[in-house]
């Protein structure tokens, strides 16, 4: 059997696709202009494809307590949800999930990597 290898920081960074994420400043749940532009594109895609759902997955970096990470991730998910609703996306197309502190956080030591953990991931699925 293969021995599972620990995720490296490079792998964590490579796995985060900017076009499917909204990023936040440390400790913040404010959506910047780049985040709003990303959400506008996703809102148009969702409105054009009514059979598509978007799951909003909140992430946080590992600095601070687990409870704090979960709280800020949840707040960010709610802000992204509200912004998509403001852009006209029906609530039935939006699902909320909360990962809180990233499971790959132990691999993240650099500022670049930690900043990528402060995000809401946008994951598509088809309505069954």
Protein backbone atom coordinates (compact mmCIF):
# COMPACT_ATOMS: atom_id res chain seq x y z
CA UNK A 1 0.00 0.00 0.00
CA UNK A 2 1.10 3.54 -0.73
CA UNK A 3 2.10 5.71 2.18
CA UNK A 4 0.04 8.92 2.13
CA UNK A 5 2.30 11.94 1.78
CA UNK A 6 1.74 15.18 3.59
CA UNK A 7 0.45 17.99 1.40
CA UNK A 8 3.18 20.49 0.62
CA UNK A 9 2.73 24.23 0.60
CA UNK A 10 3.30 24.27 -3.19
CA UNK A 11 0.48 21.73 -3.63
CA UNK A 12 -1.85 23.79 -1.46
CA UNK A 13 -1.10 26.95 -3.46
CA UNK A 14 -1.51 25.12 -6.80
CA UNK A 15 -4.87 23.66 -5.73
CA UNK A 16 -6.52 27.06 -5.19
CA UNK A 17 -8.04 28.30 -8.47
CA UNK A 18 -8.51 32.10 -8.21
CA UNK A 19 -11.48 32.16 -10.60
CA UNK A 20 -13.44 29.89 -8.21
CA UNK A 21 -12.63 31.76 -5.00
CA UNK A 22 -13.30 35.07 -3.30
CA UNK A 23 -10.38 36.16 -1.12
CA UNK A 24 -10.40 38.25 2.04
CA UNK A 25 -7.98 40.31 4.08
CA UNK A 26 -6.92 38.88 7.43
CA UNK A 27 -9.77 39.11 9.95
CA UNK A 28 -12.09 40.69 7.38
CA UNK A 29 -15.33 39.63 5.75
CA UNK A 30 -15.45 42.58 3.32
CA UNK A 31 -15.61 41.69 -0.39
CA UNK A 32 -13.16 43.78 -2.42
CA UNK A 33 -13.72 44.91 -6.03
CA UNK A 34 -11.93 41.85 -7.46
CA UNK A 35 -14.20 39.62 -5.37
CA UNK A 36 -17.31 41.47 -6.56
CA UNK A 37 -16.17 41.09 -10.18
CA UNK A 38 -15.69 37.34 -9.66
CA UNK A 39 -19.13 37.05 -8.06
CA UNK A 40 -20.80 39.04 -10.88
CA UNK A 41 -19.42 36.52 -13.41
CA UNK A 42 -20.64 33.56 -11.33
CA UNK A 43 -24.05 35.21 -10.82
CA UNK A 44 -24.50 35.56 -14.60
CA UNK A 45 -23.46 31.93 -15.09
CA UNK A 46 -25.93 30.75 -12.44
CA UNK A 47 -28.80 32.84 -13.81
CA UNK A 48 -28.15 31.42 -17.30
CA UNK A 49 -28.04 27.85 -15.96
CA UNK A 50 -30.97 27.39 -13.57
CA UNK A 51 -30.16 23.69 -13.08
CA UNK A 52 -26.78 24.54 -11.59
CA UNK A 53 -26.08 24.94 -7.88
CA UNK A 54 -23.20 26.71 -6.23
CA UNK A 55 -21.88 25.63 -2.85
CA UNK A 56 -20.11 28.37 -0.91
CA UNK A 57 -17.35 26.87 1.21
CA UNK A 58 -15.84 29.12 3.86
CA UNK A 59 -12.14 28.73 4.68
CA UNK A 60 -9.90 30.44 7.22
CA UNK A 61 -6.20 30.40 8.00
CA UNK A 62 -4.86 28.70 11.09
CA UNK A 63 -3.86 31.79 13.08
CA UNK A 64 -6.21 32.17 16.01
CA UNK A 65 -8.51 29.65 17.59
CA UNK A 66 -10.57 27.05 15.77
CA UNK A 67 -13.78 28.75 16.96
CA UNK A 68 -12.57 32.09 15.60
CA UNK A 69 -11.68 30.45 12.26
CA UNK A 70 -15.11 28.86 11.99
CA UNK A 71 -16.83 32.14 12.90
CA UNK A 72 -14.96 34.23 10.31
CA UNK A 73 -15.40 31.55 7.62
CA UNK A 74 -19.14 31.47 8.29
CA UNK A 75 -19.35 35.27 8.20
CA UNK A 76 -17.53 35.31 4.84
CA UNK A 77 -19.88 32.65 3.41
CA UNK A 78 -22.89 34.73 4.50
CA UNK A 79 -21.45 37.89 2.89
CA UNK A 80 -20.76 36.07 -0.40
CA UNK A 81 -24.26 34.54 -0.27
CA UNK A 82 -25.82 38.00 0.25
CA UNK A 83 -23.78 39.47 -2.62
CA UNK A 84 -24.85 36.70 -5.02
CA UNK A 85 -28.49 37.19 -3.95
CA UNK A 86 -28.07 40.95 -4.60
CA UNK A 87 -26.88 40.05 -8.12
CA UNK A 88 -30.15 38.18 -8.65
CA UNK A 89 -29.18 34.55 -7.99
CA UNK A 90 -32.14 32.56 -6.59
CA UNK A 91 -31.52 31.17 -3.10
CA UNK A 92 -32.41 27.64 -4.32
CA UNK A 93 -29.20 27.69 -6.39
CA UNK A 94 -26.99 28.52 -3.41
CA UNK A 95 -25.79 26.17 -0.68
CA UNK A 96 -23.64 27.13 2.29
CA UNK A 97 -20.88 25.02 3.82
CA UNK A 98 -18.22 25.91 6.32
CA UNK A 99 -14.84 24.27 6.60
CA UNK A 100 -13.46 26.80 9.04
CA UNK A 101 -9.77 26.24 9.52
CA UNK A 102 -8.31 24.65 6.42
CA UNK A 103 -7.27 21.03 6.74
CA UNK A 104 -4.13 21.80 4.71
CA UNK A 105 -3.16 24.66 7.00
CA UNK A 106 -0.26 22.81 8.59
CA UNK A 107 1.48 22.94 5.20
CA UNK A 108 0.94 26.71 4.96
CA UNK A 109 3.84 28.64 6.40
CA UNK A 110 4.30 31.51 3.93
CA UNK A 111 2.19 34.66 3.85
CA UNK A 112 1.17 33.82 0.27
CA UNK A 113 -0.19 30.44 1.27
CA UNK A 114 -1.96 31.73 4.39
CA UNK A 115 -3.62 34.51 2.37
CA UNK A 116 -5.07 31.84 0.04
CA UNK A 117 -6.74 30.17 3.03
CA UNK A 118 -8.78 33.33 3.71
CA UNK A 119 -11.42 32.60 1.12
CA UNK A 120 -14.85 31.40 0.10
CA UNK A 121 -14.58 28.65 -2.47
CA UNK A 122 -17.24 28.43 -5.20
CA UNK A 123 -18.01 24.81 -6.10
CA UNK A 124 -20.52 23.95 -8.81
CA UNK A 125 -22.88 20.98 -9.00
CA UNK A 126 -25.98 20.04 -10.98
CA UNK A 127 -29.42 20.04 -9.38
CA UNK A 128 -30.59 16.44 -9.09
